[in-house]
N, C-alpha and C. Protein backbone atom coordinates (compact mmCIF):
# COMPACT_ATOMS: atom_id res chain seq x y z
N MET A 1 9.16 205.28 -37.52
CA MET A 1 8.95 206.74 -37.80
C MET A 1 9.79 207.12 -38.97
N ALA A 2 9.11 207.68 -40.04
CA ALA A 2 9.85 208.15 -41.14
C ALA A 2 10.38 209.61 -40.99
N LEU A 3 11.63 209.77 -40.63
CA LEU A 3 12.21 211.04 -40.44
C LEU A 3 13.28 211.38 -41.62
N ASN A 4 13.21 210.77 -42.72
CA ASN A 4 14.30 210.97 -43.68
C ASN A 4 14.07 212.32 -44.52
N ARG A 5 12.86 212.80 -44.38
CA ARG A 5 12.64 214.07 -45.22
C ARG A 5 12.99 215.16 -44.33
N ARG A 6 13.63 216.16 -44.78
CA ARG A 6 13.90 217.38 -44.05
C ARG A 6 12.73 218.35 -44.39
N LEU A 7 12.11 218.99 -43.26
CA LEU A 7 11.03 219.90 -43.39
C LEU A 7 11.54 221.31 -43.41
N VAL A 8 10.84 222.30 -44.12
CA VAL A 8 11.30 223.62 -44.25
C VAL A 8 10.73 224.32 -43.04
N ASN A 9 11.54 225.15 -42.50
CA ASN A 9 11.07 226.09 -41.33
C ASN A 9 10.70 227.35 -41.93
N VAL A 10 9.60 227.92 -41.33
CA VAL A 10 8.89 229.11 -41.84
C VAL A 10 8.80 230.11 -40.69
N ILE A 11 8.85 231.44 -40.97
CA ILE A 11 8.73 232.50 -39.96
C ILE A 11 7.38 233.31 -40.38
N SER A 12 6.59 233.54 -39.31
CA SER A 12 5.37 234.40 -39.57
C SER A 12 5.51 235.52 -38.56
N THR A 13 5.43 236.66 -39.27
CA THR A 13 5.37 238.06 -38.51
C THR A 13 4.20 238.88 -38.99
N ASN A 14 4.09 240.00 -38.37
CA ASN A 14 3.09 240.95 -38.77
C ASN A 14 3.24 241.51 -40.12
N ASN A 15 4.42 241.40 -40.69
CA ASN A 15 4.74 241.81 -42.11
C ASN A 15 4.62 240.71 -43.10
N THR A 16 4.33 239.39 -42.66
CA THR A 16 4.09 238.28 -43.56
C THR A 16 2.96 238.75 -44.56
N LYS A 17 3.26 238.55 -45.88
CA LYS A 17 2.30 238.91 -46.77
C LYS A 17 1.21 237.76 -46.89
N THR A 18 1.53 236.59 -46.83
CA THR A 18 0.53 235.53 -46.92
C THR A 18 -0.20 235.21 -45.53
N THR A 19 -1.47 235.50 -45.62
CA THR A 19 -2.32 235.30 -44.42
C THR A 19 -3.62 234.84 -44.79
N TRP A 20 -4.43 234.52 -43.88
CA TRP A 20 -5.81 234.00 -44.11
C TRP A 20 -6.80 234.45 -43.13
N SER A 21 -8.04 234.51 -43.32
CA SER A 21 -9.06 234.95 -42.42
C SER A 21 -9.22 233.75 -41.56
N ARG A 22 -9.92 233.91 -40.58
CA ARG A 22 -10.31 232.84 -39.57
C ARG A 22 -11.10 231.76 -40.22
N GLN A 23 -12.01 232.21 -41.14
CA GLN A 23 -12.97 231.29 -41.64
C GLN A 23 -12.25 230.52 -42.68
N SER A 24 -11.27 230.98 -43.45
CA SER A 24 -10.48 230.37 -44.51
C SER A 24 -9.58 229.25 -43.73
N ILE A 25 -8.96 229.55 -42.57
CA ILE A 25 -8.21 228.52 -41.85
C ILE A 25 -9.08 227.37 -41.47
N LEU A 26 -10.18 227.89 -40.87
CA LEU A 26 -11.25 226.79 -40.44
C LEU A 26 -11.62 225.91 -41.53
N SER A 27 -11.91 226.41 -42.66
CA SER A 27 -12.47 225.61 -43.81
C SER A 27 -11.34 224.71 -44.30
N TRP A 28 -10.18 225.23 -44.40
CA TRP A 28 -9.09 224.44 -44.79
C TRP A 28 -8.86 223.32 -43.87
N CYS A 29 -8.78 223.54 -42.57
CA CYS A 29 -8.54 222.45 -41.58
C CYS A 29 -9.59 221.58 -41.58
N ASN A 30 -10.84 221.92 -41.72
CA ASN A 30 -11.91 220.94 -41.81
C ASN A 30 -11.98 220.12 -43.02
N GLN A 31 -11.65 220.73 -44.03
CA GLN A 31 -11.52 219.99 -45.32
C GLN A 31 -10.32 218.91 -45.36
N VAL A 32 -9.27 219.32 -44.91
CA VAL A 32 -8.13 218.36 -44.77
C VAL A 32 -8.32 217.21 -43.86
N LEU A 33 -8.98 217.52 -42.76
CA LEU A 33 -9.15 216.51 -41.63
C LEU A 33 -10.43 215.88 -41.63
N SER A 34 -11.42 216.30 -42.53
CA SER A 34 -12.77 215.74 -42.48
C SER A 34 -13.45 215.90 -41.17
N THR A 35 -13.49 217.04 -40.71
CA THR A 35 -14.01 217.31 -39.39
C THR A 35 -14.88 218.57 -39.47
N ASP A 36 -15.24 219.08 -38.24
CA ASP A 36 -16.21 220.32 -38.21
C ASP A 36 -15.79 221.14 -37.07
N ILE A 37 -14.55 221.58 -37.10
CA ILE A 37 -14.22 222.57 -35.96
C ILE A 37 -14.81 223.97 -36.25
N GLN A 38 -15.46 224.40 -35.23
CA GLN A 38 -16.32 225.63 -35.45
C GLN A 38 -15.53 226.95 -35.28
N LYS A 39 -14.65 227.12 -34.34
CA LYS A 39 -13.84 228.27 -33.86
C LYS A 39 -12.45 228.17 -33.97
N ILE A 40 -11.80 229.21 -34.25
CA ILE A 40 -10.20 229.22 -34.08
C ILE A 40 -9.79 228.90 -32.78
N ASP A 41 -10.68 229.24 -31.70
CA ASP A 41 -10.18 229.03 -30.26
C ASP A 41 -10.16 227.50 -29.99
N ASP A 42 -11.04 226.70 -30.81
CA ASP A 42 -11.00 225.31 -30.50
C ASP A 42 -9.84 224.59 -30.89
N LEU A 43 -8.95 225.18 -31.77
CA LEU A 43 -7.63 224.55 -32.13
C LEU A 43 -6.63 224.51 -30.86
N CYS A 44 -7.06 225.20 -29.76
CA CYS A 44 -6.18 225.13 -28.57
C CYS A 44 -5.96 223.82 -27.91
N THR A 45 -6.77 222.89 -28.42
CA THR A 45 -6.47 221.55 -28.00
C THR A 45 -5.35 220.84 -28.45
N GLY A 46 -4.90 221.38 -29.67
CA GLY A 46 -3.73 220.82 -30.24
C GLY A 46 -3.94 219.53 -30.92
N ALA A 47 -5.11 218.82 -30.94
CA ALA A 47 -5.41 217.57 -31.58
C ALA A 47 -5.36 217.75 -33.07
N ALA A 48 -5.97 218.84 -33.60
CA ALA A 48 -5.96 219.07 -35.04
C ALA A 48 -4.50 219.23 -35.52
N TYR A 49 -3.65 219.93 -34.92
CA TYR A 49 -2.24 220.07 -35.33
C TYR A 49 -1.66 218.66 -35.32
N CYS A 50 -1.75 217.96 -34.47
CA CYS A 50 -1.19 216.55 -34.30
C CYS A 50 -1.46 215.82 -35.55
N CYS A 51 -2.84 215.87 -35.92
CA CYS A 51 -3.25 215.13 -37.12
C CYS A 51 -2.76 215.65 -38.45
N LEU A 52 -2.62 216.96 -38.52
CA LEU A 52 -1.98 217.64 -39.67
C LEU A 52 -0.51 217.27 -39.82
N MET A 53 0.16 217.12 -38.70
CA MET A 53 1.54 216.78 -38.70
C MET A 53 1.59 215.31 -39.27
N ASP A 54 0.60 214.51 -38.90
CA ASP A 54 0.69 213.15 -39.28
C ASP A 54 0.58 213.05 -40.94
N ILE A 55 -0.12 213.96 -41.60
CA ILE A 55 -0.25 214.02 -42.95
C ILE A 55 1.15 214.37 -43.54
N LEU A 56 1.78 215.38 -42.93
CA LEU A 56 3.12 215.84 -43.44
C LEU A 56 4.14 214.60 -43.38
N MET A 57 4.10 214.00 -42.10
CA MET A 57 5.10 213.07 -41.88
C MET A 57 4.46 211.97 -41.06
N PRO A 58 3.82 210.97 -41.79
CA PRO A 58 3.13 209.79 -41.09
C PRO A 58 3.92 209.28 -40.06
N ASP A 59 3.31 209.03 -38.81
CA ASP A 59 3.74 208.39 -37.70
C ASP A 59 4.76 209.30 -36.98
N CYS A 60 4.87 210.55 -37.29
CA CYS A 60 5.73 211.33 -36.45
C CYS A 60 5.29 211.63 -35.12
N ILE A 61 3.97 211.58 -34.97
CA ILE A 61 3.32 211.55 -33.71
C ILE A 61 2.32 210.30 -33.59
N ASN A 62 2.50 209.65 -32.58
CA ASN A 62 1.68 208.43 -32.20
C ASN A 62 0.26 209.06 -31.83
N LEU A 63 -0.69 208.89 -32.87
CA LEU A 63 -1.91 209.46 -32.72
C LEU A 63 -2.85 208.73 -31.60
N SER A 64 -2.31 207.46 -31.26
CA SER A 64 -3.10 206.76 -30.19
C SER A 64 -2.89 207.49 -28.86
N LYS A 65 -1.88 208.32 -28.91
CA LYS A 65 -1.62 209.16 -27.55
C LYS A 65 -2.26 210.41 -27.56
N VAL A 66 -2.86 210.84 -28.54
CA VAL A 66 -3.57 212.13 -28.63
C VAL A 66 -4.86 212.18 -27.94
N LYS A 67 -5.12 213.09 -27.22
CA LYS A 67 -6.48 213.25 -26.58
C LYS A 67 -7.53 214.02 -27.40
N PHE A 68 -8.37 213.27 -28.08
CA PHE A 68 -9.35 213.96 -29.03
C PHE A 68 -10.45 214.47 -28.22
N LYS A 69 -10.87 213.87 -27.15
CA LYS A 69 -11.95 214.45 -26.20
C LYS A 69 -11.30 215.18 -25.15
N CYS A 70 -11.17 216.51 -25.21
CA CYS A 70 -10.39 217.26 -24.23
C CYS A 70 -11.43 218.02 -23.35
N TYR A 71 -11.32 217.50 -22.06
CA TYR A 71 -12.21 218.11 -21.02
C TYR A 71 -11.45 218.92 -19.90
N LEU A 72 -10.22 218.94 -20.01
CA LEU A 72 -9.40 219.59 -19.00
C LEU A 72 -8.21 220.29 -19.73
N GLU A 73 -7.80 221.34 -19.16
CA GLU A 73 -6.57 222.04 -19.66
C GLU A 73 -5.42 221.24 -19.89
N ASN A 74 -5.32 220.23 -18.90
CA ASN A 74 -4.10 219.32 -19.03
C ASN A 74 -4.24 218.46 -20.11
N HIS A 75 -5.33 218.30 -20.75
CA HIS A 75 -5.41 217.49 -22.02
C HIS A 75 -4.78 218.31 -23.18
N TYR A 76 -5.19 219.52 -23.19
CA TYR A 76 -4.55 220.55 -24.13
C TYR A 76 -3.13 220.57 -24.01
N ILE A 77 -2.62 220.65 -22.85
CA ILE A 77 -1.13 220.84 -22.70
C ILE A 77 -0.53 219.47 -23.04
N HIS A 78 -1.12 218.34 -22.84
CA HIS A 78 -0.51 216.94 -23.44
C HIS A 78 -0.39 216.98 -24.72
N ASN A 79 -1.49 217.43 -25.52
CA ASN A 79 -1.42 217.35 -27.03
C ASN A 79 -0.38 218.24 -27.55
N LEU A 80 -0.36 219.45 -27.05
CA LEU A 80 0.60 220.39 -27.53
C LEU A 80 2.13 220.00 -27.28
N ALA A 81 2.22 219.36 -26.13
CA ALA A 81 3.59 218.85 -25.74
C ALA A 81 3.98 217.67 -26.78
N LEU A 82 3.05 216.86 -27.21
CA LEU A 82 3.41 215.97 -28.18
C LEU A 82 3.71 216.62 -29.52
N LEU A 83 3.04 217.75 -29.77
CA LEU A 83 3.35 218.42 -30.94
C LEU A 83 4.77 218.99 -30.87
N GLN A 84 5.28 219.64 -29.71
CA GLN A 84 6.50 220.19 -29.50
C GLN A 84 7.61 219.18 -29.66
N GLN A 85 7.35 217.96 -28.99
CA GLN A 85 8.33 216.80 -29.08
C GLN A 85 8.53 216.51 -30.51
N CYS A 86 7.43 216.51 -31.33
CA CYS A 86 7.48 216.09 -32.77
C CYS A 86 8.41 217.23 -33.40
N PHE A 87 8.21 218.50 -33.25
CA PHE A 87 8.99 219.51 -33.77
C PHE A 87 10.52 219.34 -33.44
N ASN A 88 10.66 219.08 -32.25
CA ASN A 88 12.07 218.83 -31.79
C ASN A 88 12.76 217.69 -32.50
N LYS A 89 12.06 216.47 -32.73
CA LYS A 89 12.75 215.49 -33.40
C LYS A 89 12.95 215.73 -34.90
N LEU A 90 12.02 216.59 -35.46
CA LEU A 90 12.16 216.87 -36.89
C LEU A 90 13.02 218.15 -37.04
N LYS A 91 13.48 218.77 -36.11
CA LYS A 91 14.31 219.94 -36.13
C LYS A 91 13.65 221.14 -36.76
N ILE A 92 12.50 221.31 -36.32
CA ILE A 92 11.47 222.37 -36.62
C ILE A 92 11.89 223.49 -35.69
N ASN A 93 12.23 224.62 -36.12
CA ASN A 93 12.67 225.71 -35.21
C ASN A 93 11.42 226.41 -34.78
N LYS A 94 10.67 225.97 -33.96
CA LYS A 94 9.54 226.63 -33.39
C LYS A 94 9.12 226.26 -32.09
N SER A 95 9.06 227.20 -31.27
CA SER A 95 8.67 226.96 -29.76
C SER A 95 7.13 227.31 -29.72
N ILE A 96 6.32 226.41 -29.30
CA ILE A 96 5.01 226.40 -29.20
C ILE A 96 4.67 227.17 -28.02
N PRO A 97 3.92 228.38 -27.97
CA PRO A 97 3.54 229.06 -26.89
C PRO A 97 2.34 228.24 -26.11
N ILE A 98 2.57 227.13 -25.60
CA ILE A 98 1.63 226.33 -25.00
C ILE A 98 0.75 226.95 -24.00
N HIS A 99 1.39 227.70 -23.07
CA HIS A 99 0.66 228.17 -21.99
C HIS A 99 -0.36 229.52 -22.49
N LYS A 100 0.06 229.94 -23.63
CA LYS A 100 -0.83 230.95 -24.24
C LYS A 100 -1.96 230.34 -24.91
N LEU A 101 -1.72 229.20 -25.77
CA LEU A 101 -2.81 228.58 -26.49
C LEU A 101 -3.87 228.00 -25.69
N VAL A 102 -3.50 227.34 -24.52
CA VAL A 102 -4.47 226.56 -23.76
C VAL A 102 -5.40 227.50 -23.07
N ARG A 103 -5.24 228.84 -23.00
CA ARG A 103 -6.22 229.74 -22.52
C ARG A 103 -7.35 229.83 -23.37
N GLY A 104 -7.15 229.53 -24.78
CA GLY A 104 -8.33 229.60 -25.69
C GLY A 104 -8.65 230.86 -26.21
N LYS A 105 -7.79 231.78 -26.11
CA LYS A 105 -7.95 233.21 -26.42
C LYS A 105 -7.83 233.16 -27.97
N PHE A 106 -8.75 233.93 -28.66
CA PHE A 106 -8.66 234.06 -30.17
C PHE A 106 -7.30 234.39 -30.86
N GLN A 107 -6.82 235.62 -30.32
CA GLN A 107 -5.57 236.20 -31.01
C GLN A 107 -4.45 235.28 -30.96
N ASP A 108 -4.15 234.62 -29.78
CA ASP A 108 -3.04 233.74 -29.62
C ASP A 108 -3.15 232.54 -30.62
N ASN A 109 -4.41 231.98 -30.63
CA ASN A 109 -4.63 230.78 -31.29
C ASN A 109 -4.71 231.13 -32.83
N TYR A 110 -5.28 232.29 -33.29
CA TYR A 110 -5.13 232.76 -34.65
C TYR A 110 -3.84 232.86 -35.16
N GLU A 111 -2.86 233.53 -34.40
CA GLU A 111 -1.54 233.77 -34.89
C GLU A 111 -0.79 232.38 -35.06
N PHE A 112 -1.02 231.47 -34.15
CA PHE A 112 -0.23 230.17 -34.24
C PHE A 112 -0.79 229.41 -35.42
N ALA A 113 -2.21 229.60 -35.66
CA ALA A 113 -2.93 228.86 -36.77
C ALA A 113 -2.36 229.41 -38.11
N VAL A 114 -2.14 230.60 -38.25
CA VAL A 114 -1.43 231.25 -39.36
C VAL A 114 -0.11 230.63 -39.74
N TRP A 115 0.65 230.72 -38.57
CA TRP A 115 2.09 230.10 -38.84
C TRP A 115 1.97 228.67 -39.16
N PHE A 116 1.11 227.85 -38.51
CA PHE A 116 0.98 226.43 -38.82
C PHE A 116 0.64 226.25 -40.33
N ARG A 117 -0.29 227.06 -40.89
CA ARG A 117 -0.83 226.79 -42.16
C ARG A 117 0.38 227.18 -43.14
N LEU A 118 1.17 228.18 -42.81
CA LEU A 118 2.33 228.50 -43.63
C LEU A 118 3.36 227.39 -43.70
N PHE A 119 3.56 226.84 -42.43
CA PHE A 119 4.42 225.73 -42.37
C PHE A 119 3.91 224.64 -43.16
N PHE A 120 2.71 224.26 -42.87
CA PHE A 120 2.15 223.00 -43.69
C PHE A 120 2.31 223.19 -45.20
N GLU A 121 1.83 224.39 -45.66
CA GLU A 121 1.92 224.55 -47.19
C GLU A 121 3.26 224.59 -47.75
N ALA A 122 4.22 225.07 -47.00
CA ALA A 122 5.66 225.06 -47.41
C ALA A 122 6.12 223.62 -47.53
N ASN A 123 5.60 222.74 -46.89
CA ASN A 123 6.07 221.33 -46.70
C ASN A 123 5.24 220.26 -47.41
N PHE A 124 4.06 220.62 -47.65
CA PHE A 124 3.04 219.61 -48.17
C PHE A 124 3.25 219.45 -49.68
N HIS A 125 3.35 218.21 -50.19
CA HIS A 125 3.31 217.89 -51.63
C HIS A 125 2.29 217.12 -52.04
N LYS A 126 1.88 216.21 -51.43
CA LYS A 126 0.63 215.26 -51.66
C LYS A 126 0.37 214.50 -50.54
N LEU A 127 -0.92 213.95 -50.54
CA LEU A 127 -1.35 213.02 -49.50
C LEU A 127 -0.55 211.67 -49.65
N PRO A 128 -0.21 211.06 -48.53
CA PRO A 128 0.43 209.69 -48.69
C PRO A 128 -0.58 208.84 -49.32
N GLU A 129 -0.14 207.90 -50.19
CA GLU A 129 -1.02 206.96 -50.87
C GLU A 129 -1.93 206.26 -49.91
N GLY A 130 -3.17 206.32 -50.22
CA GLY A 130 -4.23 205.66 -49.35
C GLY A 130 -4.45 206.33 -48.06
N TYR A 131 -4.01 207.49 -47.78
CA TYR A 131 -4.26 208.21 -46.55
C TYR A 131 -5.67 208.56 -46.38
N ASP A 132 -6.18 208.22 -45.14
CA ASP A 132 -7.63 208.68 -44.68
C ASP A 132 -7.44 209.18 -43.43
N ALA A 133 -7.68 210.54 -43.25
CA ALA A 133 -7.45 211.35 -41.88
C ALA A 133 -8.37 210.62 -40.80
N MET A 134 -9.68 210.32 -41.25
CA MET A 134 -10.59 209.80 -40.22
C MET A 134 -10.12 208.38 -39.57
N VAL A 135 -9.70 207.55 -40.61
CA VAL A 135 -9.16 206.12 -40.31
C VAL A 135 -7.83 206.32 -39.41
N ARG A 136 -7.01 207.39 -39.78
CA ARG A 136 -5.82 207.33 -38.92
C ARG A 136 -6.03 207.59 -37.48
N ARG A 137 -7.23 208.44 -37.18
CA ARG A 137 -7.49 208.81 -35.85
C ARG A 137 -8.61 207.99 -35.40
N ASN A 138 -8.76 206.87 -36.07
CA ASN A 138 -9.85 205.80 -35.56
C ASN A 138 -11.23 206.51 -35.40
N TYR A 139 -11.58 207.44 -36.24
CA TYR A 139 -12.96 207.92 -36.47
C TYR A 139 -13.25 208.88 -35.19
N GLN A 140 -12.13 209.23 -34.47
CA GLN A 140 -12.40 210.07 -33.28
C GLN A 140 -12.82 211.48 -33.70
N THR A 141 -13.76 212.16 -33.05
CA THR A 141 -14.19 213.52 -33.23
C THR A 141 -13.49 214.43 -32.31
N PHE A 142 -13.27 215.61 -32.69
CA PHE A 142 -12.63 216.57 -31.92
C PHE A 142 -13.64 217.23 -30.84
N THR A 143 -13.40 216.98 -29.60
CA THR A 143 -14.38 217.51 -28.60
C THR A 143 -13.62 218.34 -27.67
N LYS A 144 -14.13 219.58 -27.24
CA LYS A 144 -13.48 220.35 -26.39
C LYS A 144 -14.39 220.89 -25.32
N ASP A 145 -13.96 221.00 -24.07
CA ASP A 145 -14.58 221.85 -22.97
C ASP A 145 -15.78 221.22 -22.47
N LEU A 146 -15.69 220.17 -21.82
CA LEU A 146 -16.84 219.56 -21.22
C LEU A 146 -17.20 220.56 -19.86
N LYS A 147 -16.35 221.25 -19.33
CA LYS A 147 -16.50 222.08 -18.21
C LYS A 147 -17.68 222.99 -18.50
N SER A 148 -17.94 223.51 -19.71
CA SER A 148 -19.05 224.41 -19.85
C SER A 148 -20.32 223.70 -19.63
N SER A 149 -20.47 222.45 -20.17
CA SER A 149 -21.66 221.70 -19.99
C SER A 149 -21.96 221.29 -18.59
N MET A 150 -20.74 220.97 -17.87
CA MET A 150 -20.86 220.56 -16.39
C MET A 150 -21.42 221.78 -15.69
N GLN A 151 -20.95 223.09 -15.99
CA GLN A 151 -21.38 224.22 -15.35
C GLN A 151 -22.99 224.37 -15.47
N LYS A 152 -23.46 224.09 -16.72
CA LYS A 152 -24.83 224.05 -16.95
C LYS A 152 -25.64 223.24 -15.94
N VAL A 153 -25.04 221.98 -15.85
CA VAL A 153 -25.65 220.86 -14.91
C VAL A 153 -25.56 221.53 -13.47
N GLN A 154 -24.64 222.20 -13.10
CA GLN A 154 -24.41 222.72 -11.75
C GLN A 154 -25.45 223.66 -11.43
N ARG A 155 -25.72 224.61 -12.52
CA ARG A 155 -26.74 225.62 -12.34
C ARG A 155 -28.06 225.07 -12.25
N ALA A 156 -28.37 223.99 -12.79
CA ALA A 156 -29.77 223.42 -12.78
C ALA A 156 -30.06 222.96 -11.48
N ASP A 157 -31.07 223.46 -10.78
CA ASP A 157 -31.60 223.15 -9.60
C ASP A 157 -32.50 222.02 -9.76
N THR A 158 -32.50 221.05 -8.71
CA THR A 158 -33.45 219.92 -8.83
C THR A 158 -34.36 220.01 -7.55
N THR A 159 -35.63 219.96 -7.94
CA THR A 159 -36.57 220.16 -6.78
C THR A 159 -37.20 218.76 -6.44
N VAL A 160 -37.19 218.42 -5.15
CA VAL A 160 -37.56 217.09 -4.69
C VAL A 160 -38.71 217.27 -3.66
N ALA A 161 -39.77 216.57 -3.87
CA ALA A 161 -40.93 216.59 -2.81
C ALA A 161 -40.53 215.51 -1.70
N ILE A 162 -40.73 216.03 -0.61
CA ILE A 162 -40.53 215.06 0.69
C ILE A 162 -41.88 214.73 1.27
N THR A 163 -42.13 213.44 1.34
CA THR A 163 -43.29 213.11 2.03
C THR A 163 -42.94 212.55 3.35
N PRO A 164 -43.68 212.99 4.36
CA PRO A 164 -43.34 212.53 5.79
C PRO A 164 -43.59 211.03 5.87
N LYS A 165 -42.66 210.53 6.72
CA LYS A 165 -42.51 208.95 6.74
C LYS A 165 -43.94 208.34 7.16
N GLY A 166 -44.62 208.93 8.13
CA GLY A 166 -45.88 208.53 8.63
C GLY A 166 -46.83 208.10 7.44
N ALA A 167 -46.87 209.20 6.51
CA ALA A 167 -47.86 209.16 5.41
C ALA A 167 -47.49 207.98 4.57
N ARG A 168 -46.28 207.72 4.29
CA ARG A 168 -45.81 206.60 3.51
C ARG A 168 -46.25 205.31 4.22
N GLU A 169 -46.14 205.20 5.48
CA GLU A 169 -46.56 203.90 6.25
C GLU A 169 -47.98 203.72 6.14
N ARG A 170 -48.89 204.79 5.96
CA ARG A 170 -50.30 204.69 6.03
C ARG A 170 -50.73 204.53 4.57
N GLY A 171 -49.97 203.96 3.71
CA GLY A 171 -50.42 203.53 2.37
C GLY A 171 -50.62 204.83 1.54
N HIS A 172 -49.77 205.73 1.77
CA HIS A 172 -49.73 206.97 0.96
C HIS A 172 -50.92 207.92 1.18
N SER A 173 -51.68 207.57 2.35
CA SER A 173 -52.84 208.40 2.67
C SER A 173 -52.26 209.81 3.11
N ARG A 174 -53.00 210.82 2.68
CA ARG A 174 -52.43 212.19 3.03
C ARG A 174 -53.29 212.90 4.03
N ASP A 175 -52.74 213.40 5.12
CA ASP A 175 -53.39 214.07 6.14
C ASP A 175 -53.71 215.53 5.52
N PRO A 176 -54.87 215.92 5.34
CA PRO A 176 -55.25 217.24 4.69
C PRO A 176 -54.51 218.37 5.42
N ASN A 177 -54.21 218.21 6.63
CA ASN A 177 -53.45 219.29 7.35
C ASN A 177 -52.02 219.36 7.03
N MET A 178 -51.61 218.27 6.41
CA MET A 178 -50.10 218.05 6.23
C MET A 178 -49.74 218.55 4.90
N THR A 179 -48.66 219.41 4.66
CA THR A 179 -48.27 219.78 3.41
C THR A 179 -46.87 219.18 3.02
N GLU A 180 -46.70 219.05 1.75
CA GLU A 180 -45.41 218.77 1.35
C GLU A 180 -44.32 219.81 1.36
N GLN A 181 -43.10 219.33 1.67
CA GLN A 181 -42.03 220.28 1.67
C GLN A 181 -41.14 220.11 0.49
N THR A 182 -40.63 221.12 -0.06
CA THR A 182 -39.66 221.09 -1.12
C THR A 182 -38.37 221.50 -0.75
N VAL A 183 -37.35 220.95 -1.28
CA VAL A 183 -35.90 221.40 -0.92
C VAL A 183 -35.16 221.58 -2.23
N ARG A 184 -34.26 222.39 -2.39
CA ARG A 184 -33.32 222.46 -3.53
C ARG A 184 -32.09 221.74 -3.18
N VAL A 185 -31.82 220.77 -4.17
CA VAL A 185 -30.64 220.00 -3.94
C VAL A 185 -29.40 220.72 -4.39
N ALA A 186 -28.38 220.73 -3.53
CA ALA A 186 -27.26 221.51 -3.88
C ALA A 186 -26.55 221.05 -5.24
N PRO A 187 -25.93 221.91 -5.77
CA PRO A 187 -25.21 221.52 -7.10
C PRO A 187 -24.21 220.50 -6.95
N ILE A 188 -23.86 219.81 -8.17
CA ILE A 188 -22.90 218.73 -8.10
C ILE A 188 -21.66 219.14 -7.30
N THR A 189 -21.07 218.29 -6.54
CA THR A 189 -19.86 218.68 -5.70
C THR A 189 -18.67 218.56 -6.55
N GLY A 190 -17.68 219.23 -5.99
CA GLY A 190 -16.43 219.12 -6.92
C GLY A 190 -15.86 217.86 -7.08
N ILE A 191 -16.07 216.99 -6.02
CA ILE A 191 -15.61 215.45 -6.15
C ILE A 191 -16.38 214.65 -7.26
N ALA A 192 -17.69 214.90 -7.12
CA ALA A 192 -18.63 214.17 -8.04
C ALA A 192 -18.27 214.75 -9.55
N ARG A 193 -18.12 216.02 -9.66
CA ARG A 193 -17.72 216.60 -11.05
C ARG A 193 -16.45 215.97 -11.51
N ALA A 194 -15.47 215.92 -10.65
CA ALA A 194 -14.17 215.42 -11.02
C ALA A 194 -14.34 213.90 -11.45
N ARG A 195 -15.11 213.20 -10.61
CA ARG A 195 -15.30 211.83 -11.16
C ARG A 195 -15.92 211.50 -12.46
N ALA A 196 -16.97 212.57 -12.64
CA ALA A 196 -17.69 212.60 -13.95
C ALA A 196 -16.77 212.80 -15.06
N ILE A 197 -15.88 213.88 -14.91
CA ILE A 197 -14.84 214.32 -15.90
C ILE A 197 -13.95 213.12 -16.08
N GLY A 198 -13.41 212.62 -15.11
CA GLY A 198 -12.30 211.73 -15.17
C GLY A 198 -12.82 210.40 -15.91
N GLY A 199 -14.12 210.04 -15.67
CA GLY A 199 -14.73 208.81 -16.32
C GLY A 199 -14.81 209.15 -17.85
N GLN A 200 -14.71 210.37 -18.29
CA GLN A 200 -15.08 210.60 -19.73
C GLN A 200 -13.94 210.59 -20.56
N SER A 201 -12.59 210.74 -19.96
CA SER A 201 -11.39 210.85 -20.80
C SER A 201 -11.22 209.54 -21.69
N THR A 202 -10.87 209.78 -22.90
CA THR A 202 -10.98 208.76 -23.86
C THR A 202 -9.62 208.91 -24.70
N ASN A 203 -8.81 207.71 -24.86
CA ASN A 203 -7.74 207.84 -25.81
C ASN A 203 -8.14 206.86 -27.00
N LEU A 204 -7.32 207.15 -28.11
CA LEU A 204 -7.54 206.24 -29.12
C LEU A 204 -7.23 204.88 -28.94
N ASN A 205 -6.18 204.68 -28.07
CA ASN A 205 -5.57 203.43 -27.69
C ASN A 205 -6.52 202.86 -26.60
N ARG A 206 -7.41 202.01 -26.79
CA ARG A 206 -8.28 201.51 -25.66
C ARG A 206 -7.68 200.17 -25.17
N GLY A 207 -6.59 199.71 -25.70
CA GLY A 207 -5.89 198.47 -25.28
C GLY A 207 -5.13 198.83 -24.13
């Protein structure tokens, strides 16, 4: 880990003259990292900040430990904790409001994004020779919030037709007086959902 360069600390307040719109920050972030983050709120996973720090100081964060597919709040906390550890090692005087950021609220994440861009631009000189942001993260995409898609699956009812056992044994012949029954299958259970989510977690380091 190359820690021989001293980084400049910056302070961002309501009176800070240099600031950016949400769209400007997203465009900058997407251009630098060759990605397609859609909302400031999505920065709450911390993965993008870890990659930006890798540009400023290659290998200051082990990107194989960063969770790019973030499906749980614990994944966000994990990434932001890696970022804070990096700050501490580099003597960057900034306490990351982790428990505010992981809630995914716009204002908290916007304020931190403004501070981070100020910090980045105060310390960025040029890309390291041969640096490729996508290669550095092993072409991982930034994915956030599987829970919303799981909730959609939960709300989707499945209708199943039940044929009486006797009818099946008679070669599927139907009694005209016998009607099919339908039942609604209960939504995915918490255990099944946890297993589904747990099976999706992915790290860069698959070894």
